Amino acid sequence: MWPFTKTDAPVELQGPEIPAITGYANERLSIPFILRAPLLLTSSFVLGFSLGAVHGAPMAAYRYRAENAHRLPTTQTGWYLYHKSKNYHSIVGGVKEGVKLGGALCGWATIFMCCEELVDRSRERLFAKDDDEVASGQRDAASTVVAAMSAAGIYSWKNGLDNFTSARMAKTALKYSLLYGLVQDFAATLRGNKPAYIDWTLRNAFGGHLSIEP
């Protein structure tokens, strides 16, 4: 049978609830900003360092081979020292490139995170009622998209990208930030802390006169 029945009660969706990670219901991933920031920065640096090291190590080795192509060793000892020196340059080059890319990625992650938190707090203040200090349910995918588009715009401006490349970057930022934001919203909904736009959609879709029977 159709699961919806007419009632006078407002819409209430009963679903599985996932307990909050730290107990902060009105925070993203239930983790306050002061704890979430180090986690994001550390993970972004580790990711950037890994990608930079994987790219930088072989490039340093190729550079060493090119610079010494005119003076290749002719003895077994010479070849041993040659490969030893090449491996050393490869490691140093990988570490340098890893630190460089890790620091850059960490910096852009900081810009994104600060923009997202700023938009979240601004919306909480803007939509707060008279008897509430802040409005709940305002940390959703919209703030994530705004933060990502802002970071993409700053990156395009700083690097002097042309209009075509800037538009492509903005499109990529929109796509992945929307996906990331919706995943966060889905996780918050499962924990029983639905974003405000979901409650608004349910109220307008069903008129506040439908309930879902188990």
N, C-alpha and C. Protein backbone atom coordinates (compact mmCIF):
# COMPACT_ATOMS: atom_id res chain seq x y z
N MET A 1 0.84 -1.20 0.00
CA MET A 1 0.00 0.00 0.00
C MET A 1 0.87 1.25 0.00
N TRP A 2 0.29 2.36 -0.45
CA TRP A 2 1.03 3.62 -0.44
C TRP A 2 1.31 4.01 1.00
N PRO A 3 2.59 4.28 1.34
CA PRO A 3 2.95 4.47 2.75
C PRO A 3 2.51 5.79 3.35
N PHE A 4 1.99 6.74 2.54
CA PHE A 4 1.63 8.04 3.08
C PHE A 4 0.16 8.07 3.44
N THR A 5 -0.15 8.56 4.61
CA THR A 5 -1.54 8.70 5.05
C THR A 5 -1.76 10.11 5.54
N LYS A 6 -2.98 10.61 5.36
CA LYS A 6 -3.31 11.96 5.77
C LYS A 6 -3.39 12.06 7.29
N THR A 7 -2.68 13.03 7.84
CA THR A 7 -2.75 13.30 9.28
C THR A 7 -2.66 14.80 9.48
N ASP A 8 -2.86 15.24 10.69
CA ASP A 8 -2.72 16.65 11.03
C ASP A 8 -1.35 16.96 11.61
N ALA A 9 -0.51 15.94 11.75
CA ALA A 9 0.81 16.14 12.33
C ALA A 9 1.78 16.61 11.25
N PRO A 10 2.79 17.36 11.62
CA PRO A 10 3.80 17.79 10.64
C PRO A 10 4.62 16.63 10.15
N VAL A 11 5.37 16.87 9.08
CA VAL A 11 6.17 15.82 8.47
C VAL A 11 7.29 15.41 9.40
N GLU A 12 7.43 14.15 9.65
CA GLU A 12 8.54 13.62 10.44
C GLU A 12 9.06 12.38 9.76
N LEU A 13 10.33 12.39 9.40
CA LEU A 13 10.94 11.25 8.75
C LEU A 13 11.72 10.46 9.79
N GLN A 14 11.35 9.20 9.94
CA GLN A 14 12.05 8.32 10.85
C GLN A 14 13.04 7.48 10.06
N GLY A 15 14.30 7.58 10.37
CA GLY A 15 15.31 6.81 9.64
C GLY A 15 16.43 6.43 10.58
N PRO A 16 17.34 5.64 10.10
CA PRO A 16 18.47 5.25 10.96
C PRO A 16 19.32 6.44 11.32
N GLU A 17 19.68 6.56 12.56
CA GLU A 17 20.50 7.66 13.03
C GLU A 17 21.91 7.16 13.34
N ILE A 18 22.88 7.91 12.86
CA ILE A 18 24.28 7.59 13.13
C ILE A 18 24.77 8.53 14.21
N PRO A 19 25.35 8.03 15.26
CA PRO A 19 25.78 8.91 16.35
C PRO A 19 26.85 9.88 15.88
N ALA A 20 26.83 11.07 16.45
CA ALA A 20 27.82 12.09 16.10
C ALA A 20 29.22 11.63 16.53
N ILE A 21 30.22 12.11 15.80
CA ILE A 21 31.59 11.69 16.08
C ILE A 21 32.05 12.27 17.41
N THR A 22 31.78 13.56 17.63
CA THR A 22 32.26 14.20 18.85
C THR A 22 31.14 14.80 19.68
N GLY A 23 29.90 14.76 19.19
CA GLY A 23 28.80 15.32 19.94
C GLY A 23 28.46 16.75 19.59
N TYR A 24 29.14 17.38 18.61
CA TYR A 24 28.84 18.73 18.19
C TYR A 24 27.87 18.64 17.01
N ALA A 25 26.58 18.72 17.29
CA ALA A 25 25.57 18.44 16.27
C ALA A 25 25.55 19.49 15.18
N ASN A 26 25.84 20.75 15.52
CA ASN A 26 25.72 21.84 14.55
C ASN A 26 27.05 22.16 13.88
N GLU A 27 27.95 21.21 13.83
CA GLU A 27 29.23 21.38 13.16
C GLU A 27 29.35 20.40 12.01
N ARG A 28 30.14 20.75 11.04
CA ARG A 28 30.36 19.85 9.91
C ARG A 28 31.07 18.58 10.39
N LEU A 29 30.52 17.44 9.97
CA LEU A 29 31.04 16.13 10.37
C LEU A 29 31.06 15.97 11.89
N SER A 30 30.27 16.80 12.59
CA SER A 30 30.19 16.78 14.06
C SER A 30 31.54 17.08 14.71
N ILE A 31 32.41 17.77 13.98
CA ILE A 31 33.74 18.11 14.50
C ILE A 31 33.86 19.63 14.49
N PRO A 32 34.18 20.26 15.63
CA PRO A 32 34.31 21.72 15.65
C PRO A 32 35.48 22.18 14.79
N PHE A 33 35.40 23.44 14.39
CA PHE A 33 36.39 24.00 13.47
C PHE A 33 37.81 23.90 14.01
N ILE A 34 37.97 24.11 15.31
CA ILE A 34 39.30 24.10 15.90
C ILE A 34 39.95 22.72 15.83
N LEU A 35 39.15 21.66 15.74
CA LEU A 35 39.68 20.31 15.58
C LEU A 35 39.67 19.88 14.12
N ARG A 36 38.70 20.37 13.35
CA ARG A 36 38.60 19.98 11.95
C ARG A 36 39.69 20.60 11.10
N ALA A 37 40.13 21.81 11.46
CA ALA A 37 41.17 22.50 10.69
C ALA A 37 42.49 21.74 10.65
N PRO A 38 43.03 21.30 11.80
CA PRO A 38 44.29 20.54 11.73
C PRO A 38 44.16 19.23 10.94
N LEU A 39 43.01 18.58 11.03
CA LEU A 39 42.82 17.34 10.27
C LEU A 39 42.85 17.60 8.77
N LEU A 40 42.15 18.65 8.34
CA LEU A 40 42.12 18.97 6.91
C LEU A 40 43.49 19.41 6.42
N LEU A 41 44.18 20.25 7.18
CA LEU A 41 45.48 20.75 6.75
C LEU A 41 46.51 19.62 6.70
N THR A 42 46.46 18.74 7.69
CA THR A 42 47.41 17.63 7.70
C THR A 42 47.17 16.69 6.53
N SER A 43 45.90 16.35 6.29
CA SER A 43 45.59 15.44 5.19
C SER A 43 45.93 16.06 3.84
N SER A 44 45.68 17.37 3.68
CA SER A 44 46.01 18.02 2.41
C SER A 44 47.51 18.08 2.19
N PHE A 45 48.27 18.34 3.26
CA PHE A 45 49.73 18.38 3.11
C PHE A 45 50.28 16.99 2.78
N VAL A 46 49.77 15.96 3.45
CA VAL A 46 50.24 14.60 3.18
C VAL A 46 49.92 14.21 1.74
N LEU A 47 48.72 14.55 1.28
CA LEU A 47 48.35 14.23 -0.10
C LEU A 47 49.24 14.98 -1.09
N GLY A 48 49.44 16.29 -0.85
CA GLY A 48 50.29 17.06 -1.74
C GLY A 48 51.72 16.59 -1.72
N PHE A 49 52.22 16.25 -0.54
CA PHE A 49 53.60 15.76 -0.45
C PHE A 49 53.76 14.45 -1.21
N SER A 50 52.78 13.56 -1.09
CA SER A 50 52.86 12.27 -1.79
C SER A 50 52.87 12.47 -3.30
N LEU A 51 51.95 13.31 -3.80
CA LEU A 51 51.90 13.55 -5.24
C LEU A 51 53.18 14.24 -5.72
N GLY A 52 53.67 15.21 -4.95
CA GLY A 52 54.89 15.91 -5.35
C GLY A 52 56.10 15.00 -5.34
N ALA A 53 56.20 14.13 -4.34
CA ALA A 53 57.35 13.22 -4.27
C ALA A 53 57.33 12.22 -5.42
N VAL A 54 56.14 11.70 -5.73
CA VAL A 54 56.03 10.74 -6.83
C VAL A 54 56.42 11.38 -8.16
N HIS A 55 56.10 12.66 -8.33
CA HIS A 55 56.45 13.35 -9.57
C HIS A 55 57.88 13.87 -9.55
N GLY A 56 58.33 14.37 -8.39
CA GLY A 56 59.63 15.02 -8.33
C GLY A 56 60.81 14.07 -8.34
N ALA A 57 60.66 12.90 -7.75
CA ALA A 57 61.78 11.95 -7.67
C ALA A 57 62.25 11.50 -9.05
N PRO A 58 61.38 10.98 -9.92
CA PRO A 58 61.87 10.58 -11.24
C PRO A 58 62.35 11.75 -12.09
N MET A 59 61.72 12.94 -11.93
CA MET A 59 62.18 14.10 -12.69
C MET A 59 63.60 14.49 -12.28
N ALA A 60 63.92 14.41 -10.99
CA ALA A 60 65.28 14.71 -10.54
C ALA A 60 66.28 13.69 -11.06
N ALA A 61 65.86 12.43 -11.12
CA ALA A 61 66.74 11.40 -11.65
C ALA A 61 67.00 11.61 -13.14
N TYR A 62 65.96 11.97 -13.90
CA TYR A 62 66.14 12.24 -15.33
C TYR A 62 67.05 13.46 -15.53
N ARG A 63 66.90 14.46 -14.68
CA ARG A 63 67.72 15.65 -14.80
C ARG A 63 69.19 15.32 -14.53
N TYR A 64 69.43 14.49 -13.53
CA TYR A 64 70.80 14.09 -13.21
C TYR A 64 71.42 13.32 -14.37
N ARG A 65 70.65 12.43 -14.97
CA ARG A 65 71.17 11.66 -16.10
C ARG A 65 71.48 12.57 -17.28
N ALA A 66 70.62 13.56 -17.52
CA ALA A 66 70.85 14.47 -18.64
C ALA A 66 72.09 15.34 -18.40
N GLU A 67 72.25 15.79 -17.16
CA GLU A 67 73.39 16.66 -16.85
C GLU A 67 74.72 15.91 -16.89
N ASN A 68 74.68 14.60 -16.71
CA ASN A 68 75.92 13.82 -16.67
C ASN A 68 76.05 12.84 -17.85
N ALA A 69 75.25 13.08 -18.90
CA ALA A 69 75.30 12.17 -20.05
C ALA A 69 76.64 12.24 -20.78
N HIS A 70 77.35 13.37 -20.67
CA HIS A 70 78.60 13.52 -21.39
C HIS A 70 79.80 12.96 -20.62
N ARG A 71 79.60 12.53 -19.41
CA ARG A 71 80.71 12.02 -18.60
C ARG A 71 80.30 10.75 -17.84
N LEU A 72 79.82 9.78 -18.58
CA LEU A 72 79.43 8.52 -17.98
C LEU A 72 80.65 7.76 -17.47
N PRO A 73 80.52 7.06 -16.35
CA PRO A 73 81.67 6.32 -15.80
C PRO A 73 82.04 5.15 -16.70
N THR A 74 83.25 4.72 -16.54
CA THR A 74 83.76 3.60 -17.35
C THR A 74 84.19 2.41 -16.50
N THR A 75 84.12 2.53 -15.21
CA THR A 75 84.52 1.44 -14.33
C THR A 75 83.34 1.02 -13.46
N GLN A 76 83.49 -0.18 -12.86
CA GLN A 76 82.42 -0.67 -11.99
C GLN A 76 82.22 0.23 -10.77
N THR A 77 83.33 0.69 -10.20
CA THR A 77 83.24 1.60 -9.07
C THR A 77 82.59 2.92 -9.48
N GLY A 78 82.93 3.38 -10.66
CA GLY A 78 82.35 4.62 -11.15
C GLY A 78 80.84 4.51 -11.33
N TRP A 79 80.38 3.36 -11.88
CA TRP A 79 78.93 3.16 -12.05
C TRP A 79 78.23 3.07 -10.71
N TYR A 80 78.89 2.47 -9.73
CA TYR A 80 78.30 2.38 -8.39
C TYR A 80 78.09 3.79 -7.80
N LEU A 81 79.14 4.61 -7.90
CA LEU A 81 79.03 5.97 -7.39
C LEU A 81 78.04 6.80 -8.20
N TYR A 82 77.95 6.52 -9.50
CA TYR A 82 77.01 7.23 -10.36
C TYR A 82 75.57 6.96 -9.92
N HIS A 83 75.22 5.69 -9.73
CA HIS A 83 73.85 5.34 -9.32
C HIS A 83 73.57 5.80 -7.90
N LYS A 84 74.57 5.75 -7.05
CA LYS A 84 74.39 6.23 -5.68
C LYS A 84 74.08 7.73 -5.67
N SER A 85 74.83 8.48 -6.47
CA SER A 85 74.59 9.92 -6.55
C SER A 85 73.24 10.22 -7.20
N LYS A 86 72.88 9.41 -8.22
CA LYS A 86 71.59 9.61 -8.87
C LYS A 86 70.43 9.37 -7.91
N ASN A 87 70.55 8.32 -7.11
CA ASN A 87 69.50 8.03 -6.13
C ASN A 87 69.40 9.14 -5.08
N TYR A 88 70.53 9.67 -4.70
CA TYR A 88 70.53 10.78 -3.73
C TYR A 88 69.80 12.00 -4.30
N HIS A 89 70.13 12.36 -5.54
CA HIS A 89 69.46 13.49 -6.18
C HIS A 89 67.97 13.21 -6.36
N SER A 90 67.63 11.97 -6.63
CA SER A 90 66.22 11.61 -6.79
C SER A 90 65.45 11.79 -5.48
N ILE A 91 66.03 11.37 -4.38
CA ILE A 91 65.37 11.51 -3.08
C ILE A 91 65.22 12.98 -2.70
N VAL A 92 66.31 13.74 -2.87
CA VAL A 92 66.26 15.15 -2.52
C VAL A 92 65.25 15.89 -3.39
N GLY A 93 65.25 15.58 -4.70
CA GLY A 93 64.29 16.21 -5.59
C GLY A 93 62.85 15.85 -5.24
N GLY A 94 62.61 14.58 -4.87
CA GLY A 94 61.27 14.19 -4.47
C GLY A 94 60.81 14.89 -3.21
N VAL A 95 61.70 15.01 -2.23
CA VAL A 95 61.34 15.70 -0.98
C VAL A 95 61.06 17.18 -1.24
N LYS A 96 61.89 17.82 -2.04
CA LYS A 96 61.69 19.25 -2.34
C LYS A 96 60.35 19.47 -3.05
N GLU A 97 60.10 18.66 -4.06
CA GLU A 97 58.84 18.82 -4.80
C GLU A 97 57.64 18.47 -3.92
N GLY A 98 57.81 17.46 -3.05
CA GLY A 98 56.73 17.09 -2.14
C GLY A 98 56.40 18.20 -1.16
N VAL A 99 57.41 18.81 -0.57
CA VAL A 99 57.18 19.91 0.37
C VAL A 99 56.56 21.10 -0.36
N LYS A 100 57.03 21.36 -1.57
CA LYS A 100 56.50 22.49 -2.34
C LYS A 100 55.02 22.29 -2.67
N LEU A 101 54.68 21.13 -3.21
CA LEU A 101 53.28 20.88 -3.58
C LEU A 101 52.42 20.69 -2.34
N GLY A 102 52.96 20.05 -1.30
CA GLY A 102 52.20 19.88 -0.06
C GLY A 102 51.88 21.21 0.59
N GLY A 103 52.85 22.13 0.61
CA GLY A 103 52.60 23.46 1.17
C GLY A 103 51.58 24.24 0.36
N ALA A 104 51.67 24.13 -0.97
CA ALA A 104 50.70 24.84 -1.83
C ALA A 104 49.30 24.30 -1.62
N LEU A 105 49.17 22.97 -1.61
CA LEU A 105 47.85 22.37 -1.43
C LEU A 105 47.29 22.69 -0.04
N CYS A 106 48.15 22.70 0.95
CA CYS A 106 47.74 23.05 2.31
C CYS A 106 47.24 24.50 2.36
N GLY A 107 47.92 25.39 1.64
CA GLY A 107 47.50 26.78 1.62
C GLY A 107 46.15 26.98 0.98
N TRP A 108 45.92 26.31 -0.16
CA TRP A 108 44.62 26.45 -0.83
C TRP A 108 43.52 25.76 -0.04
N ALA A 109 43.85 24.68 0.66
CA ALA A 109 42.86 24.04 1.53
C ALA A 109 42.48 24.97 2.68
N THR A 110 43.46 25.75 3.17
CA THR A 110 43.17 26.71 4.23
C THR A 110 42.21 27.79 3.74
N ILE A 111 42.45 28.28 2.52
CA ILE A 111 41.55 29.30 1.96
C ILE A 111 40.14 28.74 1.80
N PHE A 112 40.03 27.53 1.28
CA PHE A 112 38.71 26.91 1.11
C PHE A 112 38.02 26.72 2.46
N MET A 113 38.76 26.21 3.44
CA MET A 113 38.17 25.92 4.74
C MET A 113 37.71 27.21 5.44
N CYS A 114 38.52 28.26 5.36
CA CYS A 114 38.15 29.52 6.00
C CYS A 114 36.95 30.15 5.31
N CYS A 115 36.90 30.08 3.99
CA CYS A 115 35.74 30.61 3.26
C CYS A 115 34.47 29.85 3.62
N GLU A 116 34.58 28.53 3.70
CA GLU A 116 33.42 27.71 4.05
C GLU A 116 32.91 28.03 5.45
N GLU A 117 33.84 28.15 6.41
CA GLU A 117 33.44 28.48 7.78
C GLU A 117 32.86 29.88 7.87
N LEU A 118 33.41 30.82 7.11
CA LEU A 118 32.90 32.19 7.12
C LEU A 118 31.47 32.24 6.57
N VAL A 119 31.23 31.54 5.47
CA VAL A 119 29.88 31.51 4.91
C VAL A 119 28.91 30.81 5.86
N ASP A 120 29.35 29.72 6.47
CA ASP A 120 28.50 29.01 7.44
C ASP A 120 28.07 29.93 8.58
N ARG A 121 29.03 30.60 9.18
CA ARG A 121 28.71 31.46 10.33
C ARG A 121 27.89 32.67 9.92
N SER A 122 28.15 33.20 8.73
CA SER A 122 27.36 34.34 8.26
C SER A 122 25.90 33.92 8.05
N ARG A 123 25.68 32.75 7.48
CA ARG A 123 24.31 32.29 7.27
C ARG A 123 23.62 31.99 8.60
N GLU A 124 24.36 31.43 9.55
CA GLU A 124 23.77 31.15 10.86
C GLU A 124 23.32 32.44 11.54
N ARG A 125 24.08 33.51 11.40
CA ARG A 125 23.69 34.80 11.98
C ARG A 125 22.56 35.43 11.20
N LEU A 126 22.60 35.30 9.88
CA LEU A 126 21.61 35.96 9.03
C LEU A 126 20.22 35.36 9.21
N PHE A 127 20.15 34.04 9.32
CA PHE A 127 18.84 33.37 9.41
C PHE A 127 18.42 33.07 10.85
N ALA A 128 19.14 33.60 11.82
CA ALA A 128 18.78 33.36 13.22
C ALA A 128 17.50 34.12 13.57
N LYS A 129 16.66 33.50 14.39
CA LYS A 129 15.45 34.15 14.87
C LYS A 129 15.78 35.04 16.06
N ASP A 130 14.78 35.78 16.50
CA ASP A 130 15.01 36.74 17.58
C ASP A 130 15.41 36.06 18.88
N ASP A 131 14.83 34.88 19.14
CA ASP A 131 15.11 34.20 20.41
C ASP A 131 16.29 33.25 20.31
N ASP A 132 16.93 33.15 19.17
CA ASP A 132 18.07 32.26 18.99
C ASP A 132 19.30 33.10 18.61
N GLU A 133 20.44 32.65 19.13
CA GLU A 133 21.68 33.34 18.79
C GLU A 133 22.12 33.04 17.37
N VAL A 134 22.00 31.77 16.97
CA VAL A 134 22.33 31.35 15.60
C VAL A 134 21.25 30.40 15.12
N ALA A 135 21.14 30.27 13.80
CA ALA A 135 20.17 29.37 13.19
C ALA A 135 20.85 28.04 12.89
N SER A 136 20.20 26.96 13.22
CA SER A 136 20.76 25.63 12.95
C SER A 136 20.42 25.20 11.53
N GLY A 137 21.15 24.21 11.03
CA GLY A 137 20.87 23.66 9.71
C GLY A 137 21.38 24.45 8.54
N GLN A 138 22.25 25.44 8.78
CA GLN A 138 22.74 26.29 7.70
C GLN A 138 24.09 25.85 7.16
N ARG A 139 24.66 24.80 7.73
CA ARG A 139 25.95 24.29 7.24
C ARG A 139 25.67 23.19 6.22
N ASP A 140 25.53 23.58 4.97
CA ASP A 140 25.13 22.61 3.95
C ASP A 140 25.98 22.79 2.69
N ALA A 141 25.54 22.16 1.61
CA ALA A 141 26.31 22.15 0.37
C ALA A 141 26.45 23.53 -0.25
N ALA A 142 25.51 24.44 0.02
CA ALA A 142 25.59 25.77 -0.57
C ALA A 142 26.85 26.50 -0.11
N SER A 143 27.16 26.40 1.17
CA SER A 143 28.38 27.05 1.68
C SER A 143 29.63 26.42 1.07
N THR A 144 29.61 25.09 0.89
CA THR A 144 30.75 24.40 0.29
C THR A 144 30.99 24.86 -1.14
N VAL A 145 29.91 25.02 -1.91
CA VAL A 145 30.03 25.47 -3.30
C VAL A 145 30.56 26.89 -3.36
N VAL A 146 30.04 27.77 -2.51
CA VAL A 146 30.51 29.16 -2.49
C VAL A 146 31.99 29.23 -2.15
N ALA A 147 32.41 28.44 -1.16
CA ALA A 147 33.82 28.44 -0.76
C ALA A 147 34.71 27.92 -1.88
N ALA A 148 34.30 26.85 -2.53
CA ALA A 148 35.11 26.28 -3.61
C ALA A 148 35.20 27.23 -4.81
N MET A 149 34.09 27.86 -5.16
CA MET A 149 34.12 28.81 -6.26
C MET A 149 34.98 30.03 -5.93
N SER A 150 34.95 30.46 -4.68
CA SER A 150 35.80 31.58 -4.26
C SER A 150 37.27 31.22 -4.36
N ALA A 151 37.62 30.03 -3.86
CA ALA A 151 39.01 29.58 -3.94
C ALA A 151 39.47 29.44 -5.39
N ALA A 152 38.58 28.91 -6.25
CA ALA A 152 38.93 28.77 -7.67
C ALA A 152 39.13 30.13 -8.32
N GLY A 153 38.29 31.10 -7.95
CA GLY A 153 38.45 32.45 -8.50
C GLY A 153 39.76 33.09 -8.06
N ILE A 154 40.11 32.93 -6.79
CA ILE A 154 41.38 33.49 -6.29
C ILE A 154 42.56 32.83 -6.99
N TYR A 155 42.49 31.52 -7.18
CA TYR A 155 43.59 30.81 -7.86
C TYR A 155 43.73 31.29 -9.31
N SER A 156 42.61 31.44 -10.01
CA SER A 156 42.66 31.89 -11.40
C SER A 156 43.23 33.30 -11.50
N TRP A 157 42.82 34.17 -10.57
CA TRP A 157 43.32 35.55 -10.58
C TRP A 157 44.80 35.59 -10.25
N LYS A 158 45.24 34.83 -9.25
CA LYS A 158 46.64 34.86 -8.83
C LYS A 158 47.57 34.34 -9.92
N ASN A 159 47.14 33.33 -10.65
CA ASN A 159 47.99 32.73 -11.67
C ASN A 159 47.75 33.30 -13.06
N GLY A 160 46.88 34.29 -13.17
CA GLY A 160 46.66 34.95 -14.45
C GLY A 160 46.13 34.03 -15.53
N LEU A 161 45.20 33.15 -15.19
CA LEU A 161 44.65 32.22 -16.16
C LEU A 161 43.72 32.93 -17.14
N ASP A 162 43.65 32.42 -18.37
CA ASP A 162 42.76 33.01 -19.36
C ASP A 162 41.31 32.65 -19.05
N ASN A 163 40.40 33.26 -19.77
CA ASN A 163 38.97 33.08 -19.49
C ASN A 163 38.53 31.63 -19.67
N PHE A 164 39.03 30.96 -20.71
CA PHE A 164 38.63 29.58 -20.96
C PHE A 164 39.08 28.67 -19.82
N THR A 165 40.35 28.81 -19.41
CA THR A 165 40.87 27.98 -18.32
C THR A 165 40.18 28.30 -17.00
N SER A 166 39.89 29.57 -16.75
CA SER A 166 39.19 29.95 -15.52
C SER A 166 37.79 29.37 -15.48
N ALA A 167 37.10 29.39 -16.63
CA ALA A 167 35.76 28.83 -16.67
C ALA A 167 35.79 27.32 -16.45
N ARG A 168 36.77 26.66 -17.03
CA ARG A 168 36.88 25.21 -16.82
C ARG A 168 37.19 24.88 -15.37
N MET A 169 38.05 25.68 -14.74
CA MET A 169 38.35 25.46 -13.33
C MET A 169 37.12 25.71 -12.46
N ALA A 170 36.36 26.75 -12.78
CA ALA A 170 35.15 27.03 -12.02
C ALA A 170 34.13 25.90 -12.16
N LYS A 171 34.03 25.35 -13.36
CA LYS A 171 33.11 24.23 -13.59
C LYS A 171 33.54 23.01 -12.78
N THR A 172 34.84 22.74 -12.75
CA THR A 172 35.35 21.60 -11.97
C THR A 172 35.12 21.82 -10.48
N ALA A 173 35.38 23.04 -10.01
CA ALA A 173 35.16 23.35 -8.59
C ALA A 173 33.69 23.21 -8.23
N LEU A 174 32.80 23.65 -9.10
CA LEU A 174 31.37 23.52 -8.83
C LEU A 174 30.95 22.06 -8.73
N LYS A 175 31.43 21.25 -9.64
CA LYS A 175 31.02 19.85 -9.68
C LYS A 175 31.48 19.09 -8.44
N TYR A 176 32.74 19.21 -8.11
CA TYR A 176 33.27 18.43 -6.98
C TYR A 176 32.85 19.00 -5.63
N SER A 177 32.72 20.32 -5.53
CA SER A 177 32.27 20.89 -4.26
C SER A 177 30.81 20.54 -3.99
N LEU A 178 29.99 20.51 -5.02
CA LEU A 178 28.60 20.12 -4.84
C LEU A 178 28.51 18.66 -4.38
N LEU A 179 29.31 17.81 -4.99
CA LEU A 179 29.33 16.40 -4.58
C LEU A 179 29.80 16.26 -3.14
N TYR A 180 30.87 16.97 -2.79
CA TYR A 180 31.40 16.91 -1.43
C TYR A 180 30.39 17.45 -0.42
N GLY A 181 29.73 18.54 -0.77
CA GLY A 181 28.74 19.12 0.13
C GLY A 181 27.53 18.22 0.33
N LEU A 182 27.06 17.58 -0.74
CA LEU A 182 25.91 16.69 -0.63
C LEU A 182 26.23 15.45 0.20
N VAL A 183 27.47 14.98 0.10
CA VAL A 183 27.88 13.85 0.93
C VAL A 183 27.84 14.24 2.41
N GLN A 184 28.31 15.45 2.72
CA GLN A 184 28.23 15.92 4.10
C GLN A 184 26.78 16.07 4.56
N ASP A 185 25.93 16.60 3.69
CA ASP A 185 24.52 16.75 4.05
C ASP A 185 23.85 15.41 4.28
N PHE A 186 24.20 14.43 3.46
CA PHE A 186 23.62 13.09 3.63
C PHE A 186 24.04 12.48 4.96
N ALA A 187 25.33 12.66 5.30
CA ALA A 187 25.80 12.13 6.58
C ALA A 187 25.12 12.83 7.75
N ALA A 188 24.93 14.16 7.64
CA ALA A 188 24.24 14.90 8.71
C ALA A 188 22.79 14.46 8.83
N THR A 189 22.14 14.18 7.71
CA THR A 189 20.75 13.73 7.74
C THR A 189 20.63 12.38 8.43
N LEU A 190 21.54 11.48 8.15
CA LEU A 190 21.51 10.17 8.79
C LEU A 190 21.70 10.29 10.30
N ARG A 191 22.43 11.29 10.74
CA ARG A 191 22.65 11.49 12.17
C ARG A 191 21.48 12.22 12.84
N GLY A 192 20.47 12.58 12.06
CA GLY A 192 19.32 13.27 12.63
C GLY A 192 19.47 14.78 12.68
N ASN A 193 20.49 15.34 12.02
CA ASN A 193 20.72 16.78 12.00
C ASN A 193 20.57 17.29 10.57
N LYS A 194 19.34 17.25 10.08
CA LYS A 194 19.07 17.58 8.67
C LYS A 194 19.37 19.05 8.39
N PRO A 195 19.97 19.35 7.23
CA PRO A 195 20.13 20.76 6.83
C PRO A 195 18.76 21.42 6.67
N ALA A 196 18.73 22.73 6.81
CA ALA A 196 17.47 23.46 6.80
C ALA A 196 16.73 23.32 5.47
N TYR A 197 17.46 23.22 4.36
CA TYR A 197 16.78 23.15 3.07
C TYR A 197 16.01 21.85 2.88
N ILE A 198 16.43 20.78 3.57
CA ILE A 198 15.69 19.52 3.49
C ILE A 198 14.36 19.65 4.21
N ASP A 199 14.36 20.24 5.40
CA ASP A 199 13.11 20.46 6.12
C ASP A 199 12.19 21.38 5.33
N TRP A 200 12.75 22.42 4.73
CA TRP A 200 11.94 23.34 3.93
C TRP A 200 11.32 22.62 2.73
N THR A 201 12.10 21.77 2.07
CA THR A 201 11.59 21.03 0.91
C THR A 201 10.47 20.09 1.31
N LEU A 202 10.62 19.39 2.43
CA LEU A 202 9.58 18.47 2.88
C LEU A 202 8.30 19.21 3.26
N ARG A 203 8.44 20.34 3.92
CA ARG A 203 7.25 21.10 4.31
C ARG A 203 6.49 21.60 3.09
N ASN A 204 7.22 22.07 2.08
CA ASN A 204 6.55 22.60 0.90
C ASN A 204 6.06 21.50 -0.03
N ALA A 205 6.74 20.36 -0.02
CA ALA A 205 6.32 19.27 -0.91
C ALA A 205 5.07 18.59 -0.40
N PHE A 206 4.97 18.39 0.93
CA PHE A 206 3.85 17.65 1.50
C PHE A 206 2.88 18.53 2.27
N GLY A 207 3.16 19.82 2.33
CA GLY A 207 2.24 20.73 2.99
C GLY A 207 2.19 20.59 4.49
N GLY A 208 3.09 19.82 5.08
CA GLY A 208 3.11 19.65 6.52
C GLY A 208 1.97 18.82 7.05
N HIS A 209 1.29 18.03 6.18
CA HIS A 209 0.14 17.24 6.63
C HIS A 209 0.32 15.76 6.30
N LEU A 210 1.54 15.34 6.13
CA LEU A 210 1.79 13.95 5.83
C LEU A 210 2.78 13.37 6.83
N SER A 211 2.58 12.16 7.19
CA SER A 211 3.54 11.46 8.04
C SER A 211 3.81 10.11 7.42
N ILE A 212 4.97 9.59 7.67
CA ILE A 212 5.37 8.30 7.08
C ILE A 212 5.22 7.22 8.13
N GLU A 213 4.37 6.27 7.87
CA GLU A 213 4.16 5.19 8.80
C GLU A 213 5.28 4.17 8.69
N PRO A 214 5.71 3.58 9.80
CA PRO A 214 6.76 2.57 9.73
C PRO A 214 6.25 1.32 9.04
